[in-house]
Amino acid sequence: MMLYITSKAKDAFAAEPTVSVFDVEVETFKGMVQLRGTTDTLEQAQRAGEIAFWR
């Protein structure tokens, strides 16, 4: 199940033009998606959180 959650989040990042899947690492631990990485702006960081939250 965790692999499925991680894959869904990564797929969503790949489809998102404002946040690069190469800049944000996605991991799932105990059913919770964890993001790690860097973005150029606060807005990109917030968008990354939104993408992961809705997966």
C-alpha atoms as a PDB file:
ATOM      1  CA  MET A   1       0.000   0.000   0.000  1.00  0.00           C
ATOM      2  CA  MET A   2       2.816   2.440   0.815  1.00  0.00           C
ATOM      3  CA  LEU A   3       4.399   1.909  -2.585  1.00  0.00           C
ATOM      4  CA  TYR A   4       1.038   2.716  -4.187  1.00  0.00           C
ATOM      5  CA  ILE A   5       0.719   5.963  -2.202  1.00  0.00           C
ATOM      6  CA  THR A   6       4.272   7.008  -3.082  1.00  0.00           C
ATOM      7  CA  SER A   7       3.712   6.205  -6.758  1.00  0.00           C
ATOM      8  CA  LYS A   8       0.499   8.235  -6.887  1.00  0.00           C
ATOM      9  CA  ALA A   9       2.246  11.252  -5.355  1.00  0.00           C
ATOM     10  CA  LYS A  10       5.230  10.953  -7.723  1.00  0.00           C
ATOM     11  CA  ASP A  11       2.896  10.664 -10.719  1.00  0.00           C
ATOM     12  CA  ALA A  12       1.117  13.818  -9.587  1.00  0.00           C
ATOM     13  CA  PHE A  13       4.432  15.683  -9.318  1.00  0.00           C
ATOM     14  CA  ALA A  14       5.424  14.494 -12.792  1.00  0.00           C
ATOM     15  CA  ALA A  15       2.223  16.023 -14.183  1.00  0.00           C
ATOM     16  CA  GLU A  16       2.647  19.308 -12.289  1.00  0.00           C
ATOM     17  CA  PRO A  17       4.415  22.051 -14.275  1.00  0.00           C
ATOM     18  CA  THR A  18       5.275  24.259 -11.280  1.00  0.00           C
ATOM     19  CA  VAL A  19       7.049  21.698  -9.071  1.00  0.00           C
ATOM     20  CA  SER A  20       9.709  19.335 -10.408  1.00  0.00           C
ATOM     21  CA  VAL A  21       9.625  15.702  -9.361  1.00  0.00           C
ATOM     22  CA  PHE A  22      13.434  15.904  -9.454  1.00  0.00           C
ATOM     23  CA  ASP A  23      13.514  18.616  -6.758  1.00  0.00           C
ATOM     24  CA  VAL A  24      11.145  16.976  -4.274  1.00  0.00           C
ATOM     25  CA  GLU A  25      11.691  13.483  -2.871  1.00  0.00           C
ATOM     26  CA  VAL A  26       8.528  11.596  -1.945  1.00  0.00           C
ATOM     27  CA  GLU A  27       8.510   8.873   0.725  1.00  0.00           C
ATOM     28  CA  THR A  28       5.692   7.151   2.562  1.00  0.00           C
ATOM     29  CA  PHE A  29       6.047   6.022   6.161  1.00  0.00           C
ATOM     30  CA  LYS A  30       3.192   4.434   8.096  1.00  0.00           C
ATOM     31  CA  GLY A  31       0.717   5.718   5.512  1.00  0.00           C
ATOM     32  CA  MET A  32       1.938   9.314   5.687  1.00  0.00           C
ATOM     33  CA  VAL A  33       3.538  11.004   2.682  1.00  0.00           C
ATOM     34  CA  GLN A  34       6.773  12.790   3.525  1.00  0.00           C
ATOM     35  CA  LEU A  35       8.358  15.366   1.239  1.00  0.00           C
ATOM     36  CA  ARG A  36      11.981  16.424   1.226  1.00  0.00           C
ATOM     37  CA  GLY A  37      13.808  18.691  -1.163  1.00  0.00           C
ATOM     38  CA  THR A  38      14.133  22.241  -2.345  1.00  0.00           C
ATOM     39  CA  THR A  39      11.992  24.613  -4.356  1.00  0.00           C
ATOM     40  CA  ASP A  40      12.697  28.031  -5.787  1.00  0.00           C
ATOM     41  CA  THR A  41       9.782  29.742  -4.070  1.00  0.00           C
ATOM     42  CA  LEU A  42       7.494  29.407  -1.077  1.00  0.00           C
ATOM     43  CA  GLU A  43       4.579  29.022  -3.496  1.00  0.00           C
ATOM     44  CA  GLN A  44       6.210  25.957  -5.066  1.00  0.00           C
ATOM     45  CA  ALA A  45       6.735  24.437  -1.627  1.00  0.00           C
ATOM     46  CA  GLN A  46       3.107  25.039  -0.727  1.00  0.00           C
ATOM     47  CA  ARG A  47       1.981  23.557  -4.047  1.00  0.00           C
ATOM     48  CA  ALA A  48       4.099  20.458  -3.371  1.00  0.00           C
ATOM     49  CA  GLY A  49       2.280  20.019  -0.063  1.00  0.00           C
ATOM     50  CA  GLU A  50      -1.086  20.404  -1.775  1.00  0.00           C
ATOM     51  CA  ILE A  51      -0.196  17.828  -4.412  1.00  0.00           C
ATOM     52  CA  ALA A  52       0.906  15.279  -1.820  1.00  0.00           C
ATOM     53  CA  PHE A  53      -2.069  15.963   0.465  1.00  0.00           C
ATOM     54  CA  TRP A  54      -4.676  15.209  -2.192  1.00  0.00           C
ATOM     55  CA  ARG A  55      -3.105  11.899  -3.271  1.00  0.00           C
END
